[in-house]
Amino acid sequence: MRIGFPGTGTAGRHLRPEVAGPEHEVPPGPDMMDQDTAELAYRRGAGIEVTLLWHRTSGELTVSVTDAASGASFELPVAADEALAAFHHPYGYAAAQGAAY
């Protein structure tokens, strides 16, 4: 279970400014967040951050990947029935879809 800020789609990975170290990002206030996008899942390991996002207006799902070491990132659309596979294996999913990353 992840702890977040109710109604904002943010997760416990963000810290308040007074306790955030340089390795943590501080979340924007609720009034500055994109109200059309909801974070469905988030994971971080070995410097790679992977986020599964739902875009309410379009109904589209995307997986966003950021590599902190290289600064590289990409986001790719995913089908609803493949969303968890893409979330758990984003590089393999991107390669199978022919996406450059």
PDB file of N, CA and C in Angstrom:
ATOM      1  N   MET A   1       0.843  -1.175   0.000  1.00  0.00           N
ATOM      2  CA  MET A   1       0.000   0.000   0.000  1.00  0.00           C
ATOM      3  C   MET A   1       0.885   1.233   0.000  1.00  0.00           C
ATOM      4  N   ARG A   2       0.503   2.223  -0.809  1.00  0.00           N
ATOM      5  CA  ARG A   2       1.251   3.472  -0.865  1.00  0.00           C
ATOM      6  C   ARG A   2       0.442   4.562  -0.208  1.00  0.00           C
ATOM      7  N   ILE A   3       1.114   5.419   0.488  1.00  0.00           N
ATOM      8  CA  ILE A   3       0.470   6.554   1.137  1.00  0.00           C
ATOM      9  C   ILE A   3       0.642   7.761   0.232  1.00  0.00           C
ATOM     10  N   GLY A   4      -0.409   8.509   0.038  1.00  0.00           N
ATOM     11  CA  GLY A   4      -0.333   9.693  -0.812  1.00  0.00           C
ATOM     12  C   GLY A   4      -1.141  10.830  -0.235  1.00  0.00           C
ATOM     13  N   PHE A   5      -1.304  11.845  -1.008  1.00  0.00           N
ATOM     14  CA  PHE A   5      -2.086  13.003  -0.621  1.00  0.00           C
ATOM     15  C   PHE A   5      -3.453  12.848  -1.280  1.00  0.00           C
ATOM     16  N   PRO A   6      -4.529  12.679  -0.504  1.00  0.00           N
ATOM     17  CA  PRO A   6      -5.855  12.397  -1.051  1.00  0.00           C
ATOM     18  C   PRO A   6      -6.277  13.394  -2.118  1.00  0.00           C
ATOM     19  N   GLY A   7      -6.788  12.840  -3.221  1.00  0.00           N
ATOM     20  CA  GLY A   7      -7.343  13.671  -4.280  1.00  0.00           C
ATOM     21  C   GLY A   7      -6.325  14.312  -5.196  1.00  0.00           C
ATOM     22  N   THR A   8      -5.048  14.105  -4.969  1.00  0.00           N
ATOM     23  CA  THR A   8      -4.059  14.773  -5.823  1.00  0.00           C
ATOM     24  C   THR A   8      -3.363  13.824  -6.765  1.00  0.00           C
ATOM     25  N   GLY A   9      -3.467  12.514  -6.531  1.00  0.00           N
ATOM     26  CA  GLY A   9      -2.781  11.562  -7.381  1.00  0.00           C
ATOM     27  C   GLY A   9      -1.293  11.468  -7.090  1.00  0.00           C
ATOM     28  N   THR A  10      -0.830  12.145  -6.038  1.00  0.00           N
ATOM     29  CA  THR A  10       0.579  12.055  -5.687  1.00  0.00           C
ATOM     30  C   THR A  10       0.776  10.916  -4.713  1.00  0.00           C
ATOM     31  N   ALA A  11       1.976  10.427  -4.641  1.00  0.00           N
ATOM     32  CA  ALA A  11       2.268   9.302  -3.763  1.00  0.00           C
ATOM     33  C   ALA A  11       3.294   9.694  -2.731  1.00  0.00           C
ATOM     34  N   GLY A  12       3.535   8.794  -1.800  1.00  0.00           N
ATOM     35  CA  GLY A  12       4.442   9.043  -0.699  1.00  0.00           C
ATOM     36  C   GLY A  12       5.885   9.265  -1.107  1.00  0.00           C
ATOM     37  N   ARG A  13       6.224   9.175  -2.374  1.00  0.00           N
ATOM     38  CA  ARG A  13       7.599   9.384  -2.801  1.00  0.00           C
ATOM     39  C   ARG A  13       7.992  10.853  -2.695  1.00  0.00           C
ATOM     40  N   HIS A  14       7.034  11.726  -2.543  1.00  0.00           N
ATOM     41  CA  HIS A  14       7.293  13.154  -2.412  1.00  0.00           C
ATOM     42  C   HIS A  14       7.340  13.538  -0.939  1.00  0.00           C
ATOM     43  N   LEU A  15       8.203  14.483  -0.594  1.00  0.00           N
ATOM     44  CA  LEU A  15       8.319  14.913   0.788  1.00  0.00           C
ATOM     45  C   LEU A  15       8.024  16.403   0.925  1.00  0.00           C
ATOM     46  N   ARG A  16       7.623  16.786   2.116  1.00  0.00           N
ATOM     47  CA  ARG A  16       7.404  18.202   2.395  1.00  0.00           C
ATOM     48  C   ARG A  16       8.720  18.952   2.195  1.00  0.00           C
ATOM     49  N   PRO A  17       8.677  20.227   1.794  1.00  0.00           N
ATOM     50  CA  PRO A  17       9.899  20.986   1.539  1.00  0.00           C
ATOM     51  C   PRO A  17      10.863  20.998   2.713  1.00  0.00           C
ATOM     52  N   GLU A  18      10.335  21.033   3.951  1.00  0.00           N
ATOM     53  CA  GLU A  18      11.221  21.125   5.104  1.00  0.00           C
ATOM     54  C   GLU A  18      11.983  19.832   5.397  1.00  0.00           C
ATOM     55  N   VAL A  19      11.534  18.690   4.823  1.00  0.00           N
ATOM     56  CA  VAL A  19      12.246  17.437   5.055  1.00  0.00           C
ATOM     57  C   VAL A  19      12.829  16.838   3.784  1.00  0.00           C
ATOM     58  N   ALA A  20      12.582  17.451   2.658  1.00  0.00           N
ATOM     59  CA  ALA A  20      13.064  16.915   1.384  1.00  0.00           C
ATOM     60  C   ALA A  20      14.557  17.156   1.233  1.00  0.00           C
ATOM     61  N   GLY A  21      15.251  16.091   0.895  1.00  0.00           N
ATOM     62  CA  GLY A  21      16.675  16.202   0.596  1.00  0.00           C
ATOM     63  C   GLY A  21      16.846  16.436  -0.898  1.00  0.00           C
ATOM     64  N   PRO A  22      18.066  16.618  -1.353  1.00  0.00           N
ATOM     65  CA  PRO A  22      18.282  16.880  -2.775  1.00  0.00           C
ATOM     66  C   PRO A  22      17.860  15.721  -3.669  1.00  0.00           C
ATOM     67  N   GLU A  23      17.786  14.504  -3.125  1.00  0.00           N
ATOM     68  CA  GLU A  23      17.407  13.360  -3.940  1.00  0.00           C
ATOM     69  C   GLU A  23      15.897  13.187  -4.058  1.00  0.00           C
ATOM     70  N   HIS A  24      15.110  14.025  -3.358  1.00  0.00           N
ATOM     71  CA  HIS A  24      13.657  13.939  -3.408  1.00  0.00           C
ATOM     72  C   HIS A  24      13.086  15.179  -4.078  1.00  0.00           C
ATOM     73  N   GLU A  25      12.025  14.958  -4.824  1.00  0.00           N
ATOM     74  CA  GLU A  25      11.355  16.102  -5.409  1.00  0.00           C
ATOM     75  C   GLU A  25      10.204  16.528  -4.518  1.00  0.00           C
ATOM     76  N   VAL A  26       9.872  17.772  -4.553  1.00  0.00           N
ATOM     77  CA  VAL A  26       8.783  18.310  -3.746  1.00  0.00           C
ATOM     78  C   VAL A  26       7.574  18.440  -4.661  1.00  0.00           C
ATOM     79  N   PRO A  27       6.414  17.922  -4.252  1.00  0.00           N
ATOM     80  CA  PRO A  27       5.251  17.947  -5.138  1.00  0.00           C
ATOM     81  C   PRO A  27       4.709  19.356  -5.314  1.00  0.00           C
ATOM     82  N   PRO A  28       4.138  19.619  -6.479  1.00  0.00           N
ATOM     83  CA  PRO A  28       3.471  20.899  -6.650  1.00  0.00           C
ATOM     84  C   PRO A  28       2.198  20.903  -5.822  1.00  0.00           C
ATOM     85  N   GLY A  29       1.695  22.083  -5.518  1.00  0.00           N
ATOM     86  CA  GLY A  29       0.445  22.185  -4.779  1.00  0.00           C
ATOM     87  C   GLY A  29      -0.695  21.623  -5.600  1.00  0.00           C
ATOM     88  N   PRO A  30      -1.793  21.214  -4.948  1.00  0.00           N
ATOM     89  CA  PRO A  30      -2.917  20.626  -5.675  1.00  0.00           C
ATOM     90  C   PRO A  30      -3.466  21.510  -6.773  1.00  0.00           C
ATOM     91  N   ASP A  31      -3.400  22.836  -6.597  1.00  0.00           N
ATOM     92  CA  ASP A  31      -3.917  23.735  -7.612  1.00  0.00           C
ATOM     93  C   ASP A  31      -3.020  23.794  -8.845  1.00  0.00           C
ATOM     94  N   MET A  32      -1.773  23.316  -8.746  1.00  0.00           N
ATOM     95  CA  MET A  32      -0.855  23.365  -9.882  1.00  0.00           C
ATOM     96  C   MET A  32      -0.731  22.009 -10.582  1.00  0.00           C
ATOM     97  N   MET A  33      -1.326  20.963 -10.045  1.00  0.00           N
ATOM     98  CA  MET A  33      -1.210  19.641 -10.636  1.00  0.00           C
ATOM     99  C   MET A  33      -2.139  19.520 -11.826  1.00  0.00           C
ATOM    100  N   ASP A  34      -1.765  18.678 -12.758  1.00  0.00           N
ATOM    101  CA  ASP A  34      -2.590  18.406 -13.920  1.00  0.00           C
ATOM    102  C   ASP A  34      -3.787  17.570 -13.465  1.00  0.00           C
ATOM    103  N   GLN A  35      -4.939  18.161 -13.415  1.00  0.00           N
ATOM    104  CA  GLN A  35      -6.133  17.480 -12.916  1.00  0.00           C
ATOM    105  C   GLN A  35      -6.644  16.421 -13.888  1.00  0.00           C
ATOM    106  N   ASP A  36      -6.145  16.426 -15.128  1.00  0.00           N
ATOM    107  CA  ASP A  36      -6.571  15.451 -16.117  1.00  0.00           C
ATOM    108  C   ASP A  36      -5.789  14.148 -16.005  1.00  0.00           C
ATOM    109  N   THR A  37      -4.673  14.149 -15.312  1.00  0.00           N
ATOM    110  CA  THR A  37      -3.803  12.977 -15.254  1.00  0.00           C
ATOM    111  C   THR A  37      -3.787  12.386 -13.847  1.00  0.00           C
ATOM    112  N   ALA A  38      -3.995  11.080 -13.772  1.00  0.00           N
ATOM    113  CA  ALA A  38      -3.957  10.373 -12.492  1.00  0.00           C
ATOM    114  C   ALA A  38      -2.823   9.357 -12.519  1.00  0.00           C
ATOM    115  N   GLU A  39      -2.052   9.316 -11.442  1.00  0.00           N
ATOM    116  CA  GLU A  39      -0.993   8.324 -11.288  1.00  0.00           C
ATOM    117  C   GLU A  39      -1.618   7.044 -10.752  1.00  0.00           C
ATOM    118  N   LEU A  40      -1.529   5.965 -11.518  1.00  0.00           N
ATOM    119  CA  LEU A  40      -2.104   4.695 -11.103  1.00  0.00           C
ATOM    120  C   LEU A  40      -1.098   3.817 -10.374  1.00  0.00           C
ATOM    121  N   ALA A  41       0.168   3.918 -10.769  1.00  0.00           N
ATOM    122  CA  ALA A  41       1.204   3.100 -10.134  1.00  0.00           C
ATOM    123  C   ALA A  41       2.549   3.791 -10.315  1.00  0.00           C
ATOM    124  N   TYR A  42       3.423   3.563  -9.348  1.00  0.00           N
ATOM    125  CA  TYR A  42       4.769   4.152  -9.378  1.00  0.00           C
ATOM    126  C   TYR A  42       5.738   3.177  -8.738  1.00  0.00           C
ATOM    127  N   ARG A  43       6.924   3.090  -9.327  1.00  0.00           N
ATOM    128  CA  ARG A  43       7.988   2.308  -8.710  1.00  0.00           C
ATOM    129  C   ARG A  43       9.324   2.943  -9.064  1.00  0.00           C
ATOM    130  N   ARG A  44      10.300   2.702  -8.192  1.00  0.00           N
ATOM    131  CA  ARG A  44      11.640   3.236  -8.412  1.00  0.00           C
ATOM    132  C   ARG A  44      12.640   2.194  -7.941  1.00  0.00           C
ATOM    133  N   GLY A  45      13.676   1.996  -8.729  1.00  0.00           N
ATOM    134  CA  GLY A  45      14.734   1.071  -8.376  1.00  0.00           C
ATOM    135  C   GLY A  45      15.917   1.247  -9.298  1.00  0.00           C
ATOM    136  N   ALA A  46      17.105   1.174  -8.743  1.00  0.00           N
ATOM    137  CA  ALA A  46      18.351   1.284  -9.512  1.00  0.00           C
ATOM    138  C   ALA A  46      18.395   2.567 -10.350  1.00  0.00           C
ATOM    139  N   GLY A  47      17.804   3.636  -9.820  1.00  0.00           N
ATOM    140  CA  GLY A  47      17.836   4.916 -10.521  1.00  0.00           C
ATOM    141  C   GLY A  47      16.816   5.060 -11.635  1.00  0.00           C
ATOM    142  N   ILE A  48      15.954   4.063 -11.809  1.00  0.00           N
ATOM    143  CA  ILE A  48      14.914   4.109 -12.840  1.00  0.00           C
ATOM    144  C   ILE A  48      13.574   4.338 -12.165  1.00  0.00           C
ATOM    145  N   GLU A  49      12.833   5.336 -12.643  1.00  0.00           N
ATOM    146  CA  GLU A  49      11.482   5.606 -12.146  1.00  0.00           C
ATOM    147  C   GLU A  49      10.482   5.255 -13.241  1.00  0.00           C
ATOM    148  N   VAL A  50       9.463   4.502 -12.875  1.00  0.00           N
ATOM    149  CA  VAL A  50       8.432   4.096 -13.828  1.00  0.00           C
ATOM    150  C   VAL A  50       7.077   4.488 -13.247  1.00  0.00           C
ATOM    151  N   THR A  51       6.273   5.166 -14.052  1.00  0.00           N
ATOM    152  CA  THR A  51       4.960   5.627 -13.608  1.00  0.00           C
ATOM    153  C   THR A  51       3.910   5.227 -14.637  1.00  0.00           C
ATOM    154  N   LEU A  52       2.813   4.650 -14.167  1.00  0.00           N
ATOM    155  CA  LEU A  52       1.669   4.348 -15.019  1.00  0.00           C
ATOM    156  C   LEU A  52       0.660   5.468 -14.819  1.00  0.00           C
ATOM    157  N   LEU A  53       0.287   6.135 -15.910  1.00  0.00           N
ATOM    158  CA  LEU A  53      -0.598   7.294 -15.852  1.00  0.00           C
ATOM    159  C   LEU A  53      -1.878   7.050 -16.640  1.00  0.00           C
ATOM    160  N   TRP A  54      -2.970   7.594 -16.125  1.00  0.00           N
ATOM    161  CA  TRP A  54      -4.252   7.571 -16.819  1.00  0.00           C
ATOM    162  C   TRP A  54      -4.643   9.007 -17.116  1.00  0.00           C
ATOM    163  N   HIS A  55      -4.939   9.285 -18.376  1.00  0.00           N
ATOM    164  CA  HIS A  55      -5.351  10.614 -18.817  1.00  0.00           C
ATOM    165  C   HIS A  55      -6.875  10.586 -18.941  1.00  0.00           C
ATOM    166  N   ARG A  56      -7.543  11.228 -17.988  1.00  0.00           N
ATOM    167  CA  ARG A  56      -9.000  11.125 -17.848  1.00  0.00           C
ATOM    168  C   ARG A  56      -9.768  11.547 -19.098  1.00  0.00           C
ATOM    169  N   THR A  57      -9.417  12.678 -19.675  1.00  0.00           N
ATOM    170  CA  THR A  57     -10.177  13.211 -20.806  1.00  0.00           C
ATOM    171  C   THR A  57     -10.135  12.280 -22.004  1.00  0.00           C
ATOM    172  N   SER A  58      -8.942  11.792 -22.340  1.00  0.00           N
ATOM    173  CA  SER A  58      -8.790  10.934 -23.515  1.00  0.00           C
ATOM    174  C   SER A  58      -8.991   9.460 -23.194  1.00  0.00           C
ATOM    175  N   GLY A  59      -8.884   9.097 -21.913  1.00  0.00           N
ATOM    176  CA  GLY A  59      -8.965   7.697 -21.526  1.00  0.00           C
ATOM    177  C   GLY A  59      -7.690   6.925 -21.815  1.00  0.00           C
ATOM    178  N   GLU A  60      -6.667   7.618 -22.291  1.00  0.00           N
ATOM    179  CA  GLU A  60      -5.402   6.983 -22.650  1.00  0.00           C
ATOM    180  C   GLU A  60      -4.576   6.623 -21.422  1.00  0.00           C
ATOM    181  N   LEU A  61      -3.876   5.499 -21.498  1.00  0.00           N
ATOM    182  CA  LEU A  61      -2.910   5.086 -20.486  1.00  0.00           C
ATOM    183  C   LEU A  61      -1.513   5.257 -21.071  1.00  0.00           C
ATOM    184  N   THR A  62      -0.585   5.740 -20.254  1.00  0.00           N
ATOM    185  CA  THR A  62       0.799   5.850 -20.691  1.00  0.00           C
ATOM    186  C   THR A  62       1.715   5.360 -19.580  1.00  0.00           C
ATOM    187  N   VAL A  63       2.889   4.906 -19.980  1.00  0.00           N
ATOM    188  CA  VAL A  63       3.942   4.551 -19.042  1.00  0.00           C
ATOM    189  C   VAL A  63       5.076   5.539 -19.265  1.00  0.00           C
ATOM    190  N   SER A  64       5.505   6.160 -18.193  1.00  0.00           N
ATOM    191  CA  SER A  64       6.583   7.140 -18.234  1.00  0.00           C
ATOM    192  C   SER A  64       7.797   6.537 -17.529  1.00  0.00           C
ATOM    193  N   VAL A  65       8.967   6.624 -18.181  1.00  0.00           N
ATOM    194  CA  VAL A  65      10.201   6.057 -17.633  1.00  0.00           C
ATOM    195  C   VAL A  65      11.268   7.140 -17.604  1.00  0.00           C
ATOM    196  N   THR A  66      11.944   7.275 -16.464  1.00  0.00           N
ATOM    197  CA  THR A  66      13.041   8.233 -16.319  1.00  0.00           C
ATOM    198  C   THR A  66      14.242   7.523 -15.711  1.00  0.00           C
ATOM    199  N   ASP A  67      15.393   7.694 -16.357  1.00  0.00           N
ATOM    200  CA  ASP A  67      16.655   7.140 -15.859  1.00  0.00           C
ATOM    201  C   ASP A  67      17.434   8.296 -15.239  1.00  0.00           C
ATOM    202  N   ALA A  68      17.528   8.309 -13.905  1.00  0.00           N
ATOM    203  CA  ALA A  68      18.184   9.413 -13.196  1.00  0.00           C
ATOM    204  C   ALA A  68      19.663   9.506 -13.541  1.00  0.00           C
ATOM    205  N   ALA A  69      20.322   8.385 -13.780  1.00  0.00           N
ATOM    206  CA  ALA A  69      21.758   8.391 -14.055  1.00  0.00           C
ATOM    207  C   ALA A  69      22.080   9.073 -15.381  1.00  0.00           C
ATOM    208  N   SER A  70      21.312   8.774 -16.414  1.00  0.00           N
ATOM    209  CA  SER A  70      21.596   9.345 -17.733  1.00  0.00           C
ATOM    210  C   SER A  70      20.762  10.579 -18.034  1.00  0.00           C
ATOM    211  N   GLY A  71      19.671  10.757 -17.301  1.00  0.00           N
ATOM    212  CA  GLY A  71      18.770  11.865 -17.574  1.00  0.00           C
ATOM    213  C   GLY A  71      17.808  11.566 -18.713  1.00  0.00           C
ATOM    214  N   ALA A  72      17.904  10.384 -19.293  1.00  0.00           N
ATOM    215  CA  ALA A  72      17.021   9.999 -20.393  1.00  0.00           C
ATOM    216  C   ALA A  72      15.634   9.662 -19.866  1.00  0.00           C
ATOM    217  N   SER A  73      14.633   9.920 -20.679  1.00  0.00           N
ATOM    218  CA  SER A  73      13.269   9.567 -20.305  1.00  0.00           C
ATOM    219  C   SER A  73      12.440   9.343 -21.566  1.00  0.00           C
ATOM    220  N   PHE A  74      11.368   8.595 -21.407  1.00  0.00           N
ATOM    221  CA  PHE A  74      10.423   8.410 -22.501  1.00  0.00           C
ATOM    222  C   PHE A  74       9.058   8.093 -21.916  1.00  0.00           C
ATOM    223  N   GLU A  75       8.039   8.311 -22.735  1.00  0.00           N
ATOM    224  CA  GLU A  75       6.669   8.008 -22.353  1.00  0.00           C
ATOM    225  C   GLU A  75       6.016   7.344 -23.549  1.00  0.00           C
ATOM    226  N   LEU A  76       5.307   6.240 -23.304  1.00  0.00           N
ATOM    227  CA  LEU A  76       4.672   5.564 -24.409  1.00  0.00           C
ATOM    228  C   LEU A  76       3.249   5.188 -24.062  1.00  0.00           C
ATOM    229  N   PRO A  77       2.361   5.269 -25.048  1.00  0.00           N
ATOM    230  CA  PRO A  77       0.976   4.864 -24.818  1.00  0.00           C
ATOM    231  C   PRO A  77       0.903   3.348 -24.694  1.00  0.00           C
ATOM    232  N   VAL A  78      -0.013   2.874 -23.847  1.00  0.00           N
ATOM    233  CA  VAL A  78      -0.188   1.434 -23.662  1.00  0.00           C
ATOM    234  C   VAL A  78      -1.664   1.091 -23.721  1.00  0.00           C
ATOM    235  N   ALA A  79      -1.949  -0.109 -24.207  1.00  0.00           N
ATOM    236  CA  ALA A  79      -3.324  -0.603 -24.225  1.00  0.00           C
ATOM    237  C   ALA A  79      -3.711  -1.013 -22.805  1.00  0.00           C
ATOM    238  N   ALA A  80      -4.985  -0.886 -22.484  1.00  0.00           N
ATOM    239  CA  ALA A  80      -5.463  -1.193 -21.128  1.00  0.00           C
ATOM    240  C   ALA A  80      -5.121  -2.623 -20.712  1.00  0.00           C
ATOM    241  N   ASP A  81      -5.253  -3.571 -21.629  1.00  0.00           N
ATOM    242  CA  ASP A  81      -4.980  -4.963 -21.278  1.00  0.00           C
ATOM    243  C   ASP A  81      -3.486  -5.286 -21.205  1.00  0.00           C
ATOM    244  N   GLU A  82      -2.631  -4.326 -21.574  1.00  0.00           N
ATOM    245  CA  GLU A  82      -1.185  -4.520 -21.499  1.00  0.00           C
ATOM    246  C   GLU A  82      -0.518  -3.550 -20.524  1.00  0.00           C
ATOM    247  N   ALA A  83      -1.309  -2.781 -19.791  1.00  0.00           N
ATOM    248  CA  ALA A  83      -0.774  -1.720 -18.938  1.00  0.00           C
ATOM    249  C   ALA A  83       0.167  -2.241 -17.855  1.00  0.00           C
ATOM    250  N   LEU A  84      -0.209  -3.292 -17.157  1.00  0.00           N
ATOM    251  CA  LEU A  84       0.662  -3.806 -16.096  1.00  0.00           C
ATOM    252  C   LEU A  84       1.929  -4.431 -16.655  1.00  0.00           C
ATOM    253  N   ALA A  85       1.833  -5.116 -17.771  1.00  0.00           N
ATOM    254  CA  ALA A  85       3.034  -5.680 -18.400  1.00  0.00           C
ATOM    255  C   ALA A  85       3.981  -4.554 -18.807  1.00  0.00           C
ATOM    256  N   ALA A  86       3.431  -3.492 -19.374  1.00  0.00           N
ATOM    257  CA  ALA A  86       4.258  -2.349 -19.781  1.00  0.00           C
ATOM    258  C   ALA A  86       4.856  -1.650 -18.562  1.00  0.00           C
ATOM    259  N   PHE A  87       4.107  -1.562 -17.471  1.00  0.00           N
ATOM    260  CA  PHE A  87       4.598  -0.938 -16.243  1.00  0.00           C
ATOM    261  C   PHE A  87       5.753  -1.744 -15.651  1.00  0.00           C
ATOM    262  N   HIS A  88       5.625  -3.058 -15.621  1.00  0.00           N
ATOM    263  CA  HIS A  88       6.657  -3.908 -15.023  1.00  0.00           C
ATOM    264  C   HIS A  88       7.859  -4.128 -15.939  1.00  0.00           C
ATOM    265  N   HIS A  89       7.662  -4.035 -17.252  1.00  0.00           N
ATOM    266  CA  HIS A  89       8.741  -4.283 -18.217  1.00  0.00           C
ATOM    267  C   HIS A  89       8.717  -3.220 -19.314  1.00  0.00           C
ATOM    268  N   PRO A  90       8.930  -1.944 -18.955  1.00  0.00           N
ATOM    269  CA  PRO A  90       8.766  -0.875 -19.942  1.00  0.00           C
ATOM    270  C   PRO A  90       9.750  -0.939 -21.111  1.00  0.00           C
ATOM    271  N   TYR A  91      10.983  -1.349 -20.869  1.00  0.00           N
ATOM    272  CA  TYR A  91      11.949  -1.411 -21.962  1.00  0.00           C
ATOM    273  C   TYR A  91      11.590  -2.530 -22.936  1.00  0.00           C
ATOM    274  N   GLY A  92      11.191  -3.680 -22.423  1.00  0.00           N
ATOM    275  CA  GLY A  92      10.759  -4.777 -23.279  1.00  0.00           C
ATOM    276  C   GLY A  92       9.506  -4.425 -24.050  1.00  0.00           C
ATOM    277  N   TYR A  93       8.558  -3.764 -23.384  1.00  0.00           N
ATOM    278  CA  TYR A  93       7.323  -3.349 -24.041  1.00  0.00           C
ATOM    279  C   TYR A  93       7.618  -2.356 -25.154  1.00  0.00           C
ATOM    280  N   ALA A  94       8.489  -1.379 -24.861  1.00  0.00           N
ATOM    281  CA  ALA A  94       8.833  -0.382 -25.871  1.00  0.00           C
ATOM    282  C   ALA A  94       9.500  -1.047 -27.077  1.00  0.00           C
ATOM    283  N   ALA A  95      10.400  -1.989 -26.832  1.00  0.00           N
ATOM    284  CA  ALA A  95      11.088  -2.681 -27.930  1.00  0.00           C
ATOM    285  C   ALA A  95      10.093  -3.487 -28.757  1.00  0.00           C
ATOM    286  N   ALA A  96       9.145  -4.170 -28.096  1.00  0.00           N
ATOM    287  CA  ALA A  96       8.145  -4.963 -28.817  1.00  0.00           C
ATOM    288  C   ALA A  96       7.240  -4.084 -29.661  1.00  0.00           C
ATOM    289  N   GLN A  97       7.025  -2.853 -29.245  1.00  0.00           N
ATOM    290  CA  GLN A  97       6.179  -1.922 -29.993  1.00  0.00           C
ATOM    291  C   GLN A  97       6.960  -1.186 -31.081  1.00  0.00           C
ATOM    292  N   GLY A  98       8.281  -1.391 -31.108  1.00  0.00           N
ATOM    293  CA  GLY A  98       9.111  -0.718 -32.108  1.00  0.00           C
ATOM    294  C   GLY A  98       9.421   0.726 -31.747  1.00  0.00           C
ATOM    295  N   ALA A  99       9.227   1.074 -30.476  1.00  0.00           N
ATOM    296  CA  ALA A  99       9.478   2.460 -30.036  1.00  0.00           C
ATOM    297  C   ALA A  99      10.964   2.647 -29.739  1.00  0.00           C
ATOM    298  N   ALA A 100      11.487   3.790 -30.132  1.00  0.00           N
ATOM    299  CA  ALA A 100      12.870   4.123 -29.807  1.00  0.00           C
ATOM    300  C   ALA A 100      12.907   4.714 -28.410  1.00  0.00           C
ATOM    301  N   TYR A 101      13.853   4.300 -27.621  1.00  0.00           N
ATOM    302  CA  TYR A 101      13.979   4.841 -26.261  1.00  0.00           C
ATOM    303  C   TYR A 101      15.405   5.099 -25.944  1.00  0.00           C
TER     304      TYR A 101
END
